[in-house]
Amino acid sequence: MSETTQSQSTDAFVRVCSLDELPTVGVAAADISGRIVAIVRTAEGEVHAVDDTCSHANVSLSEGELDGCTLECWLHGSRFDIRTGDPSGPPATAPIAVHTVKIEGDDVYVALNQEN
């Protein structure tokens, strides 16, 4: 998933990967039209997508630890809710963008949030 994903849908959703390409529980980074996004699969099997850059230190969140629905930045320990993007632990105070995910068959599609 490290290469740029081309749009394979007529609407705002872009096919990112298949479910088999994601860790069973964990995070993988994807480049969607030049925007790096963390694709997260929880222990419950839910798939979420958030910007891959920590709002505090500008480092990759996909290299951090997943705890339930919380993604922790590996550098300074900022924590973000992957459902809302809200920081839940310092030093981050600004949220990260959350993107819409849909699963069709075995494929993961993401619609980028253009507001952030």
PDB file of N, CA and C in Angstrom:
ATOM      1  N   MET A   1       0.805  -1.195   0.000  1.00  0.00           N
ATOM      2  CA  MET A   1       0.000   0.000   0.000  1.00  0.00           C
ATOM      3  C   MET A   1       0.847   1.258   0.000  1.00  0.00           C
ATOM      4  N   SER A   2       2.128   1.169  -0.250  1.00  0.00           N
ATOM      5  CA  SER A   2       2.973   2.348  -0.201  1.00  0.00           C
ATOM      6  C   SER A   2       2.923   3.184  -1.470  1.00  0.00           C
ATOM      7  N   GLU A   3       2.420   2.642  -2.563  1.00  0.00           N
ATOM      8  CA  GLU A   3       2.355   3.422  -3.782  1.00  0.00           C
ATOM      9  C   GLU A   3       1.035   4.166  -3.872  1.00  0.00           C
ATOM     10  N   THR A   4       1.011   5.189  -4.699  1.00  0.00           N
ATOM     11  CA  THR A   4      -0.184   5.995  -4.846  1.00  0.00           C
ATOM     12  C   THR A   4      -1.331   5.149  -5.378  1.00  0.00           C
ATOM     13  N   THR A   5      -2.472   5.277  -4.730  1.00  0.00           N
ATOM     14  CA  THR A   5      -3.655   4.534  -5.135  1.00  0.00           C
ATOM     15  C   THR A   5      -4.418   5.340  -6.170  1.00  0.00           C
ATOM     16  N   GLN A   6      -4.780   4.719  -7.261  1.00  0.00           N
ATOM     17  CA  GLN A   6      -5.567   5.373  -8.295  1.00  0.00           C
ATOM     18  C   GLN A   6      -7.044   5.167  -8.005  1.00  0.00           C
ATOM     19  N   SER A   7      -7.849   6.132  -8.332  1.00  0.00           N
ATOM     20  CA  SER A   7      -9.290   6.014  -8.134  1.00  0.00           C
ATOM     21  C   SER A   7      -9.845   4.910  -9.020  1.00  0.00           C
ATOM     22  N   GLN A   8     -10.582   3.989  -8.399  1.00  0.00           N
ATOM     23  CA  GLN A   8     -11.208   2.911  -9.148  1.00  0.00           C
ATOM     24  C   GLN A   8     -12.707   2.946  -8.932  1.00  0.00           C
ATOM     25  N   SER A   9     -13.246   4.114  -8.653  1.00  0.00           N
ATOM     26  CA  SER A   9     -14.660   4.270  -8.398  1.00  0.00           C
ATOM     27  C   SER A   9     -15.110   5.588  -9.001  1.00  0.00           C
ATOM     28  N   THR A  10     -16.376   5.683  -9.327  1.00  0.00           N
ATOM     29  CA  THR A  10     -16.872   6.902  -9.956  1.00  0.00           C
ATOM     30  C   THR A  10     -17.237   7.975  -8.938  1.00  0.00           C
ATOM     31  N   ASP A  11     -17.331   7.631  -7.652  1.00  0.00           N
ATOM     32  CA  ASP A  11     -17.651   8.639  -6.647  1.00  0.00           C
ATOM     33  C   ASP A  11     -16.385   9.040  -5.900  1.00  0.00           C
ATOM     34  N   ALA A  12     -16.512   9.618  -4.725  1.00  0.00           N
ATOM     35  CA  ALA A  12     -15.374  10.131  -3.973  1.00  0.00           C
ATOM     36  C   ALA A  12     -14.536   9.031  -3.338  1.00  0.00           C
ATOM     37  N   PHE A  13     -14.990   7.809  -3.345  1.00  0.00           N
ATOM     38  CA  PHE A  13     -14.245   6.719  -2.718  1.00  0.00           C
ATOM     39  C   PHE A  13     -13.148   6.198  -3.638  1.00  0.00           C
ATOM     40  N   VAL A  14     -12.019   5.874  -3.031  1.00  0.00           N
ATOM     41  CA  VAL A  14     -10.858   5.326  -3.723  1.00  0.00           C
ATOM     42  C   VAL A  14     -10.547   3.962  -3.110  1.00  0.00           C
ATOM     43  N   ARG A  15     -10.349   2.945  -3.966  1.00  0.00           N
ATOM     44  CA  ARG A  15      -9.956   1.641  -3.459  1.00  0.00           C
ATOM     45  C   ARG A  15      -8.526   1.748  -2.939  1.00  0.00           C
ATOM     46  N   VAL A  16      -8.329   1.348  -1.684  1.00  0.00           N
ATOM     47  CA  VAL A  16      -7.025   1.465  -1.042  1.00  0.00           C
ATOM     48  C   VAL A  16      -6.304   0.124  -0.999  1.00  0.00           C
ATOM     49  N   CYS A  17      -7.020  -0.930  -0.646  1.00  0.00           N
ATOM     50  CA  CYS A  17      -6.402  -2.245  -0.495  1.00  0.00           C
ATOM     51  C   CYS A  17      -7.495  -3.285  -0.312  1.00  0.00           C
ATOM     52  N   SER A  18      -7.086  -4.526  -0.175  1.00  0.00           N
ATOM     53  CA  SER A  18      -8.025  -5.569   0.229  1.00  0.00           C
ATOM     54  C   SER A  18      -7.868  -5.778   1.725  1.00  0.00           C
ATOM     55  N   LEU A  19      -8.858  -6.362   2.346  1.00  0.00           N
ATOM     56  CA  LEU A  19      -8.771  -6.631   3.781  1.00  0.00           C
ATOM     57  C   LEU A  19      -7.585  -7.527   4.108  1.00  0.00           C
ATOM     58  N   ASP A  20      -7.244  -8.434   3.201  1.00  0.00           N
ATOM     59  CA  ASP A  20      -6.113  -9.339   3.422  1.00  0.00           C
ATOM     60  C   ASP A  20      -4.780  -8.607   3.510  1.00  0.00           C
ATOM     61  N   GLU A  21      -4.709  -7.404   2.951  1.00  0.00           N
ATOM     62  CA  GLU A  21      -3.464  -6.635   2.992  1.00  0.00           C
ATOM     63  C   GLU A  21      -3.272  -5.871   4.300  1.00  0.00           C
ATOM     64  N   LEU A  22      -4.314  -5.811   5.122  1.00  0.00           N
ATOM     65  CA  LEU A  22      -4.225  -5.128   6.413  1.00  0.00           C
ATOM     66  C   LEU A  22      -3.806  -6.115   7.494  1.00  0.00           C
ATOM     67  N   PRO A  23      -3.133  -5.616   8.534  1.00  0.00           N
ATOM     68  CA  PRO A  23      -2.879  -6.500   9.668  1.00  0.00           C
ATOM     69  C   PRO A  23      -4.207  -6.919  10.302  1.00  0.00           C
ATOM     70  N   THR A  24      -4.248  -8.079  10.931  1.00  0.00           N
ATOM     71  CA  THR A  24      -5.467  -8.545  11.590  1.00  0.00           C
ATOM     72  C   THR A  24      -5.936  -7.517  12.607  1.00  0.00           C
ATOM     73  N   VAL A  25      -5.009  -6.992  13.387  1.00  0.00           N
ATOM     74  CA  VAL A  25      -5.247  -5.857  14.293  1.00  0.00           C
ATOM     75  C   VAL A  25      -4.021  -4.973  14.173  1.00  0.00           C
ATOM     76  N   GLY A  26      -4.212  -3.731  13.770  1.00  0.00           N
ATOM     77  CA  GLY A  26      -3.072  -2.841  13.641  1.00  0.00           C
ATOM     78  C   GLY A  26      -3.290  -1.772  12.600  1.00  0.00           C
ATOM     79  N   VAL A  27      -2.173  -1.199  12.140  1.00  0.00           N
ATOM     80  CA  VAL A  27      -2.210  -0.010  11.289  1.00  0.00           C
ATOM     81  C   VAL A  27      -1.288  -0.190  10.087  1.00  0.00           C
ATOM     82  N   ALA A  28      -1.721   0.310   8.941  1.00  0.00           N
ATOM     83  CA  ALA A  28      -0.894   0.347   7.737  1.00  0.00           C
ATOM     84  C   ALA A  28      -1.066   1.718   7.095  1.00  0.00           C
ATOM     85  N   ALA A  29      -0.011   2.211   6.482  1.00  0.00           N
ATOM     86  CA  ALA A  29      -0.061   3.513   5.812  1.00  0.00           C
ATOM     87  C   ALA A  29      -0.396   3.321   4.336  1.00  0.00           C
ATOM     88  N   ALA A  30      -1.155   4.264   3.786  1.00  0.00           N
ATOM     89  CA  ALA A  30      -1.494   4.253   2.367  1.00  0.00           C
ATOM     90  C   ALA A  30      -1.381   5.667   1.821  1.00  0.00           C
ATOM     91  N   ASP A  31      -0.893   5.781   0.609  1.00  0.00           N
ATOM     92  CA  ASP A  31      -0.807   7.066  -0.085  1.00  0.00           C
ATOM     93  C   ASP A  31      -2.022   7.166  -1.011  1.00  0.00           C
ATOM     94  N   ILE A  32      -2.921   8.072  -0.690  1.00  0.00           N
ATOM     95  CA  ILE A  32      -4.128   8.265  -1.495  1.00  0.00           C
ATOM     96  C   ILE A  32      -4.041   9.633  -2.141  1.00  0.00           C
ATOM     97  N   SER A  33      -3.726   9.640  -3.423  1.00  0.00           N
ATOM     98  CA  SER A  33      -3.620  10.890  -4.183  1.00  0.00           C
ATOM     99  C   SER A  33      -2.681  11.883  -3.514  1.00  0.00           C
ATOM    100  N   GLY A  34      -1.561  11.387  -2.987  1.00  0.00           N
ATOM    101  CA  GLY A  34      -0.562  12.242  -2.362  1.00  0.00           C
ATOM    102  C   GLY A  34      -0.794  12.533  -0.888  1.00  0.00           C
ATOM    103  N   ARG A  35      -1.851  12.018  -0.319  1.00  0.00           N
ATOM    104  CA  ARG A  35      -2.144  12.225   1.102  1.00  0.00           C
ATOM    105  C   ARG A  35      -1.896  10.904   1.830  1.00  0.00           C
ATOM    106  N   ILE A  36      -1.052  10.917   2.850  1.00  0.00           N
ATOM    107  CA  ILE A  36      -0.730   9.699   3.586  1.00  0.00           C
ATOM    108  C   ILE A  36      -1.784   9.494   4.665  1.00  0.00           C
ATOM    109  N   VAL A  37      -2.397   8.314   4.628  1.00  0.00           N
ATOM    110  CA  VAL A  37      -3.502   7.974   5.515  1.00  0.00           C
ATOM    111  C   VAL A  37      -3.159   6.686   6.253  1.00  0.00           C
ATOM    112  N   ALA A  38      -3.493   6.644   7.541  1.00  0.00           N
ATOM    113  CA  ALA A  38      -3.338   5.429   8.340  1.00  0.00           C
ATOM    114  C   ALA A  38      -4.647   4.645   8.253  1.00  0.00           C
ATOM    115  N   ILE A  39      -4.565   3.407   7.780  1.00  0.00           N
ATOM    116  CA  ILE A  39      -5.719   2.524   7.711  1.00  0.00           C
ATOM    117  C   ILE A  39      -5.618   1.600   8.923  1.00  0.00           C
ATOM    118  N   VAL A  40      -6.633   1.638   9.768  1.00  0.00           N
ATOM    119  CA  VAL A  40      -6.586   0.959  11.064  1.00  0.00           C
ATOM    120  C   VAL A  40      -7.647  -0.136  11.125  1.00  0.00           C
ATOM    121  N   ARG A  41      -7.226  -1.339  11.567  1.00  0.00           N
ATOM    122  CA  ARG A  41      -8.207  -2.401  11.817  1.00  0.00           C
ATOM    123  C   ARG A  41      -8.143  -2.739  13.300  1.00  0.00           C
ATOM    124  N   THR A  42      -9.299  -2.632  13.954  1.00  0.00           N
ATOM    125  CA  THR A  42      -9.381  -2.881  15.390  1.00  0.00           C
ATOM    126  C   THR A  42      -9.571  -4.374  15.671  1.00  0.00           C
ATOM    127  N   ALA A  43      -9.468  -4.744  16.937  1.00  0.00           N
ATOM    128  CA  ALA A  43      -9.677  -6.136  17.356  1.00  0.00           C
ATOM    129  C   ALA A  43     -11.098  -6.589  17.047  1.00  0.00           C
ATOM    130  N   GLU A  44     -12.035  -5.648  16.971  1.00  0.00           N
ATOM    131  CA  GLU A  44     -13.429  -5.968  16.654  1.00  0.00           C
ATOM    132  C   GLU A  44     -13.638  -6.104  15.149  1.00  0.00           C
ATOM    133  N   GLY A  45     -12.600  -5.868  14.348  1.00  0.00           N
ATOM    134  CA  GLY A  45     -12.696  -6.002  12.901  1.00  0.00           C
ATOM    135  C   GLY A  45     -13.141  -4.744  12.182  1.00  0.00           C
ATOM    136  N   GLU A  46     -13.337  -3.644  12.908  1.00  0.00           N
ATOM    137  CA  GLU A  46     -13.710  -2.380  12.275  1.00  0.00           C
ATOM    138  C   GLU A  46     -12.502  -1.794  11.551  1.00  0.00           C
ATOM    139  N   VAL A  47     -12.752  -1.118  10.439  1.00  0.00           N
ATOM    140  CA  VAL A  47     -11.678  -0.462   9.692  1.00  0.00           C
ATOM    141  C   VAL A  47     -11.938   1.039   9.700  1.00  0.00           C
ATOM    142  N   HIS A  48     -10.921   1.791  10.063  1.00  0.00           N
ATOM    143  CA  HIS A  48     -10.995   3.252  10.131  1.00  0.00           C
ATOM    144  C   HIS A  48      -9.839   3.840   9.330  1.00  0.00           C
ATOM    145  N   ALA A  49      -9.975   5.103   8.947  1.00  0.00           N
ATOM    146  CA  ALA A  49      -8.905   5.808   8.239  1.00  0.00           C
ATOM    147  C   ALA A  49      -8.759   7.201   8.835  1.00  0.00           C
ATOM    148  N   VAL A  50      -7.511   7.560   9.156  1.00  0.00           N
ATOM    149  CA  VAL A  50      -7.192   8.884   9.698  1.00  0.00           C
ATOM    150  C   VAL A  50      -5.915   9.374   9.030  1.00  0.00           C
ATOM    151  N   ASP A  51      -5.694  10.682   9.077  1.00  0.00           N
ATOM    152  CA  ASP A  51      -4.420  11.189   8.574  1.00  0.00           C
ATOM    153  C   ASP A  51      -3.293  10.517   9.335  1.00  0.00           C
ATOM    154  N   ASP A  52      -2.214  10.216   8.633  1.00  0.00           N
ATOM    155  CA  ASP A  52      -1.104   9.470   9.227  1.00  0.00           C
ATOM    156  C   ASP A  52      -0.112  10.366   9.957  1.00  0.00           C
ATOM    157  N   THR A  53      -0.359  11.657  10.005  1.00  0.00           N
ATOM    158  CA  THR A  53       0.598  12.574  10.620  1.00  0.00           C
ATOM    159  C   THR A  53       0.083  13.096  11.952  1.00  0.00           C
ATOM    160  N   CYS A  54       0.893  12.929  12.993  1.00  0.00           N
ATOM    161  CA  CYS A  54       0.550  13.430  14.326  1.00  0.00           C
ATOM    162  C   CYS A  54       0.435  14.955  14.266  1.00  0.00           C
ATOM    163  N   SER A  55      -0.612  15.492  14.858  1.00  0.00           N
ATOM    164  CA  SER A  55      -0.820  16.941  14.843  1.00  0.00           C
ATOM    165  C   SER A  55       0.144  17.678  15.763  1.00  0.00           C
ATOM    166  N   HIS A  56       0.849  16.959  16.606  1.00  0.00           N
ATOM    167  CA  HIS A  56       1.806  17.592  17.508  1.00  0.00           C
ATOM    168  C   HIS A  56       3.218  17.611  16.932  1.00  0.00           C
ATOM    169  N   ALA A  57       3.684  16.469  16.441  1.00  0.00           N
ATOM    170  CA  ALA A  57       5.101  16.375  16.094  1.00  0.00           C
ATOM    171  C   ALA A  57       5.380  16.076  14.627  1.00  0.00           C
ATOM    172  N   ASN A  58       4.329  15.993  13.798  1.00  0.00           N
ATOM    173  CA  ASN A  58       4.520  15.792  12.363  1.00  0.00           C
ATOM    174  C   ASN A  58       5.286  14.507  12.040  1.00  0.00           C
ATOM    175  N   VAL A  59       4.955  13.408  12.743  1.00  0.00           N
ATOM    176  CA  VAL A  59       5.545  12.094  12.472  1.00  0.00           C
ATOM    177  C   VAL A  59       4.429  11.099  12.156  1.00  0.00           C
ATOM    178  N   SER A  60       4.803   9.967  11.611  1.00  0.00           N
ATOM    179  CA  SER A  60       3.851   8.956  11.160  1.00  0.00           C
ATOM    180  C   SER A  60       3.152   8.262  12.325  1.00  0.00           C
ATOM    181  N   LEU A  61       1.816   8.340  12.333  1.00  0.00           N
ATOM    182  CA  LEU A  61       1.040   7.645  13.359  1.00  0.00           C
ATOM    183  C   LEU A  61       0.943   6.149  13.089  1.00  0.00           C
ATOM    184  N   SER A  62       1.107   5.735  11.833  1.00  0.00           N
ATOM    185  CA  SER A  62       0.996   4.312  11.517  1.00  0.00           C
ATOM    186  C   SER A  62       2.136   3.507  12.137  1.00  0.00           C
ATOM    187  N   GLU A  63       3.146   4.177  12.620  1.00  0.00           N
ATOM    188  CA  GLU A  63       4.244   3.501  13.309  1.00  0.00           C
ATOM    189  C   GLU A  63       4.004   3.414  14.815  1.00  0.00           C
ATOM    190  N   GLY A  64       2.864   3.943  15.272  1.00  0.00           N
ATOM    191  CA  GLY A  64       2.543   3.950  16.697  1.00  0.00           C
ATOM    192  C   GLY A  64       1.797   2.710  17.125  1.00  0.00           C
ATOM    193  N   GLU A  65       1.300   2.738  18.353  1.00  0.00           N
ATOM    194  CA  GLU A  65       0.598   1.606  18.956  1.00  0.00           C
ATOM    195  C   GLU A  65      -0.907   1.827  18.925  1.00  0.00           C
ATOM    196  N   LEU A  66      -1.641   0.759  18.632  1.00  0.00           N
ATOM    197  CA  LEU A  66      -3.098   0.789  18.659  1.00  0.00           C
ATOM    198  C   LEU A  66      -3.573   0.140  19.942  1.00  0.00           C
ATOM    199  N   ASP A  67      -4.454   0.839  20.667  1.00  0.00           N
ATOM    200  CA  ASP A  67      -5.044   0.321  21.901  1.00  0.00           C
ATOM    201  C   ASP A  67      -6.544   0.540  21.805  1.00  0.00           C
ATOM    202  N   GLY A  68      -7.277  -0.504  21.423  1.00  0.00           N
ATOM    203  CA  GLY A  68      -8.714  -0.356  21.213  1.00  0.00           C
ATOM    204  C   GLY A  68      -8.964   0.565  20.040  1.00  0.00           C
ATOM    205  N   CYS A  69      -9.587   1.707  20.303  1.00  0.00           N
ATOM    206  CA  CYS A  69      -9.846   2.713  19.260  1.00  0.00           C
ATOM    207  C   CYS A  69      -8.957   3.932  19.432  1.00  0.00           C
ATOM    208  N   THR A  70      -7.833   3.748  20.113  1.00  0.00           N
ATOM    209  CA  THR A  70      -6.894   4.835  20.351  1.00  0.00           C
ATOM    210  C   THR A  70      -5.564   4.520  19.691  1.00  0.00           C
ATOM    211  N   LEU A  71      -5.066   5.469  18.902  1.00  0.00           N
ATOM    212  CA  LEU A  71      -3.781   5.333  18.237  1.00  0.00           C
ATOM    213  C   LEU A  71      -2.799   6.268  18.925  1.00  0.00           C
ATOM    214  N   GLU A  72      -1.683   5.696  19.381  1.00  0.00           N
ATOM    215  CA  GLU A  72      -0.688   6.476  20.118  1.00  0.00           C
ATOM    216  C   GLU A  72       0.519   6.759  19.247  1.00  0.00           C
ATOM    217  N   CYS A  73       0.926   8.024  19.220  1.00  0.00           N
ATOM    218  CA  CYS A  73       2.112   8.439  18.481  1.00  0.00           C
ATOM    219  C   CYS A  73       3.353   7.872  19.163  1.00  0.00           C
ATOM    220  N   TRP A  74       4.235   7.315  18.389  1.00  0.00           N
ATOM    221  CA  TRP A  74       5.426   6.674  18.931  1.00  0.00           C
ATOM    222  C   TRP A  74       6.446   7.670  19.482  1.00  0.00           C
ATOM    223  N   LEU A  75       6.397   8.919  19.045  1.00  0.00           N
ATOM    224  CA  LEU A  75       7.446   9.864  19.435  1.00  0.00           C
ATOM    225  C   LEU A  75       7.232  10.477  20.821  1.00  0.00           C
ATOM    226  N   HIS A  76       6.079  11.090  21.055  1.00  0.00           N
ATOM    227  CA  HIS A  76       5.839  11.764  22.333  1.00  0.00           C
ATOM    228  C   HIS A  76       4.634  11.224  23.092  1.00  0.00           C
ATOM    229  N   GLY A  77       3.956  10.215  22.540  1.00  0.00           N
ATOM    230  CA  GLY A  77       2.849   9.591  23.259  1.00  0.00           C
ATOM    231  C   GLY A  77       1.498  10.264  23.110  1.00  0.00           C
ATOM    232  N   SER A  78       1.345  11.188  22.162  1.00  0.00           N
ATOM    233  CA  SER A  78       0.015  11.760  21.920  1.00  0.00           C
ATOM    234  C   SER A  78      -0.915  10.631  21.513  1.00  0.00           C
ATOM    235  N   ARG A  79      -2.166  10.715  21.952  1.00  0.00           N
ATOM    236  CA  ARG A  79      -3.137   9.664  21.664  1.00  0.00           C
ATOM    237  C   ARG A  79      -4.338  10.270  20.949  1.00  0.00           C
ATOM    238  N   PHE A  80      -4.851   9.550  19.940  1.00  0.00           N
ATOM    239  CA  PHE A  80      -5.971  10.033  19.130  1.00  0.00           C
ATOM    240  C   PHE A  80      -7.040   8.962  19.034  1.00  0.00           C
ATOM    241  N   ASP A  81      -8.308   9.381  19.142  1.00  0.00           N
ATOM    242  CA  ASP A  81      -9.440   8.490  18.929  1.00  0.00           C
ATOM    243  C   ASP A  81      -9.590   8.318  17.422  1.00  0.00           C
ATOM    244  N   ILE A  82      -9.481   7.087  16.912  1.00  0.00           N
ATOM    245  CA  ILE A  82      -9.534   6.866  15.472  1.00  0.00           C
ATOM    246  C   ILE A  82     -10.933   7.049  14.901  1.00  0.00           C
ATOM    247  N   ARG A  83     -11.950   7.129  15.757  1.00  0.00           N
ATOM    248  CA  ARG A  83     -13.321   7.353  15.284  1.00  0.00           C
ATOM    249  C   ARG A  83     -13.624   8.823  15.095  1.00  0.00           C
ATOM    250  N   THR A  84     -13.011   9.681  15.904  1.00  0.00           N
ATOM    251  CA  THR A  84     -13.303  11.120  15.870  1.00  0.00           C
ATOM    252  C   THR A  84     -12.104  11.979  15.478  1.00  0.00           C
ATOM    253  N   GLY A  85     -10.897  11.449  15.645  1.00  0.00           N
ATOM    254  CA  GLY A  85      -9.675  12.212  15.399  1.00  0.00           C
ATOM    255  C   GLY A  85      -9.252  13.071  16.569  1.00  0.00           C
ATOM    256  N   ASP A  86     -10.074  13.112  17.612  1.00  0.00           N
ATOM    257  CA  ASP A  86      -9.776  13.967  18.762  1.00  0.00           C
ATOM    258  C   ASP A  86      -8.594  13.436  19.564  1.00  0.00           C
ATOM    259  N   PRO A  87      -7.714  14.353  20.021  1.00  0.00           N
ATOM    260  CA  PRO A  87      -6.617  13.924  20.886  1.00  0.00           C
ATOM    261  C   PRO A  87      -7.167  13.564  22.263  1.00  0.00           C
ATOM    262  N   SER A  88      -6.651  12.501  22.831  1.00  0.00           N
ATOM    263  CA  SER A  88      -7.105  12.095  24.163  1.00  0.00           C
ATOM    264  C   SER A  88      -5.967  12.087  25.161  1.00  0.00           C
ATOM    265  N   GLY A  89      -4.825  12.573  24.759  1.00  0.00           N
ATOM    266  CA  GLY A  89      -3.698  12.668  25.675  1.00  0.00           C
ATOM    267  C   GLY A  89      -2.670  13.628  25.137  1.00  0.00           C
ATOM    268  N   PRO A  90      -2.062  14.405  26.030  1.00  0.00           N
ATOM    269  CA  PRO A  90      -1.055  15.369  25.603  1.00  0.00           C
ATOM    270  C   PRO A  90       0.185  14.632  25.079  1.00  0.00           C
ATOM    271  N   PRO A  91       1.012  15.327  24.334  1.00  0.00           N
ATOM    272  CA  PRO A  91       1.033  16.778  24.167  1.00  0.00           C
ATOM    273  C   PRO A  91       0.151  17.303  23.030  1.00  0.00           C
ATOM    274  N   ALA A  92      -0.459  16.455  22.211  1.00  0.00           N
ATOM    275  CA  ALA A  92      -1.291  16.951  21.110  1.00  0.00           C
ATOM    276  C   ALA A  92      -2.551  17.623  21.647  1.00  0.00           C
ATOM    277  N   THR A  93      -2.929  18.724  21.018  1.00  0.00           N
ATOM    278  CA  THR A  93      -4.171  19.418  21.365  1.00  0.00           C
ATOM    279  C   THR A  93      -5.080  19.561  20.152  1.00  0.00           C
ATOM    280  N   ALA A  94      -4.533  19.406  18.948  1.00  0.00           N
ATOM    281  CA  ALA A  94      -5.317  19.531  17.715  1.00  0.00           C
ATOM    282  C   ALA A  94      -5.709  18.138  17.218  1.00  0.00           C
ATOM    283  N   PRO A  95      -6.915  18.005  16.679  1.00  0.00           N
ATOM    284  CA  PRO A  95      -7.342  16.706  16.151  1.00  0.00           C
ATOM    285  C   PRO A  95      -6.657  16.375  14.827  1.00  0.00           C
ATOM    286  N   ILE A  96      -6.792  15.122  14.413  1.00  0.00           N
ATOM    287  CA  ILE A  96      -6.352  14.687  13.096  1.00  0.00           C
ATOM    288  C   ILE A  96      -7.602  14.417  12.254  1.00  0.00           C
ATOM    289  N   ALA A  97      -7.464  14.488  10.941  1.00  0.00           N
ATOM    290  CA  ALA A  97      -8.611  14.277  10.056  1.00  0.00           C
ATOM    291  C   ALA A  97      -9.017  12.806  10.046  1.00  0.00           C
ATOM    292  N   VAL A  98     -10.327  12.580  10.034  1.00  0.00           N
ATOM    293  CA  VAL A  98     -10.913  11.248   9.933  1.00  0.00           C
ATOM    294  C   VAL A  98     -11.546  11.137   8.553  1.00  0.00           C
ATOM    295  N   HIS A  99     -11.341  10.012   7.899  1.00  0.00           N
ATOM    296  CA  HIS A  99     -11.856   9.795   6.555  1.00  0.00           C
ATOM    297  C   HIS A  99     -12.895   8.678   6.580  1.00  0.00           C
ATOM    298  N   THR A 100     -13.826   8.733   5.645  1.00  0.00           N
ATOM    299  CA  THR A 100     -14.902   7.750   5.572  1.00  0.00           C
ATOM    300  C   THR A 100     -14.404   6.479   4.899  1.00  0.00           C
ATOM    301  N   VAL A 101     -14.728   5.342   5.514  1.00  0.00           N
ATOM    302  CA  VAL A 101     -14.331   4.037   4.996  1.00  0.00           C
ATOM    303  C   VAL A 101     -15.570   3.241   4.643  1.00  0.00           C
ATOM    304  N   LYS A 102     -15.502   2.521   3.526  1.00  0.00           N
ATOM    305  CA  LYS A 102     -16.539   1.541   3.225  1.00  0.00           C
ATOM    306  C   LYS A 102     -15.852   0.268   2.744  1.00  0.00           C
ATOM    307  N   ILE A 103     -16.468  -0.854   3.065  1.00  0.00           N
ATOM    308  CA  ILE A 103     -15.962  -2.157   2.660  1.00  0.00           C
ATOM    309  C   ILE A 103     -16.944  -2.721   1.636  1.00  0.00           C
ATOM    310  N   GLU A 104     -16.436  -3.092   0.491  1.00  0.00           N
ATOM    311  CA  GLU A 104     -17.253  -3.753  -0.529  1.00  0.00           C
ATOM    312  C   GLU A 104     -16.580  -5.070  -0.847  1.00  0.00           C
ATOM    313  N   GLY A 105     -17.239  -6.165  -0.478  1.00  0.00           N
ATOM    314  CA  GLY A 105     -16.616  -7.476  -0.636  1.00  0.00           C
ATOM    315  C   GLY A 105     -15.395  -7.552   0.249  1.00  0.00           C
ATOM    316  N   ASP A 106     -14.220  -7.724  -0.361  1.00  0.00           N
ATOM    317  CA  ASP A 106     -12.962  -7.792   0.375  1.00  0.00           C
ATOM    318  C   ASP A 106     -12.134  -6.530   0.181  1.00  0.00           C
ATOM    319  N   ASP A 107     -12.722  -5.504  -0.448  1.00  0.00           N
ATOM    320  CA  ASP A 107     -11.988  -4.287  -0.763  1.00  0.00           C
ATOM    321  C   ASP A 107     -12.297  -3.160   0.212  1.00  0.00           C
ATOM    322  N   VAL A 108     -11.250  -2.402   0.552  1.00  0.00           N
ATOM    323  CA  VAL A 108     -11.367  -1.244   1.444  1.00  0.00           C
ATOM    324  C   VAL A 108     -11.313   0.016   0.591  1.00  0.00           C
ATOM    325  N   TYR A 109     -12.340   0.855   0.718  1.00  0.00           N
ATOM    326  CA  TYR A 109     -12.423   2.130   0.009  1.00  0.00           C
ATOM    327  C   TYR A 109     -12.408   3.260   1.030  1.00  0.00           C
ATOM    328  N   VAL A 110     -11.759   4.362   0.659  1.00  0.00           N
ATOM    329  CA  VAL A 110     -11.687   5.534   1.536  1.00  0.00           C
ATOM    330  C   VAL A 110     -12.086   6.771   0.747  1.00  0.00           C
ATOM    331  N   ALA A 111     -12.919   7.613   1.353  1.00  0.00           N
ATOM    332  CA  ALA A 111     -13.236   8.939   0.814  1.00  0.00           C
ATOM    333  C   ALA A 111     -12.523   9.948   1.693  1.00  0.00           C
ATOM    334  N   LEU A 112     -11.617  10.702   1.100  1.00  0.00           N
ATOM    335  CA  LEU A 112     -10.829  11.664   1.871  1.00  0.00           C
ATOM    336  C   LEU A 112     -11.689  12.821   2.363  1.00  0.00           C
ATOM    337  N   ASN A 113     -11.460  13.218   3.598  1.00  0.00           N
ATOM    338  CA  ASN A 113     -12.088  14.382   4.194  1.00  0.00           C
ATOM    339  C   ASN A 113     -11.320  15.594   3.668  1.00  0.00           C
ATOM    340  N   GLN A 114     -11.937  16.400   2.863  1.00  0.00           N
ATOM    341  CA  GLN A 114     -11.263  17.543   2.239  1.00  0.00           C
ATOM    342  C   GLN A 114     -11.217  18.773   3.143  1.00  0.00           C
ATOM    343  N   GLU A 115     -11.891  18.716   4.297  1.00  0.00           N
ATOM    344  CA  GLU A 115     -11.940  19.887   5.183  1.00  0.00           C
ATOM    345  C   GLU A 115     -10.652  20.083   5.962  1.00  0.00           C
ATOM    346  N   ASN A 116      -9.879  19.040   6.165  1.00  0.00           N
ATOM    347  CA  ASN A 116      -8.652  19.161   6.980  1.00  0.00           C
ATOM    348  C   ASN A 116      -7.432  19.049   6.110  1.00  0.00           C
TER     349      ASN A 116
END
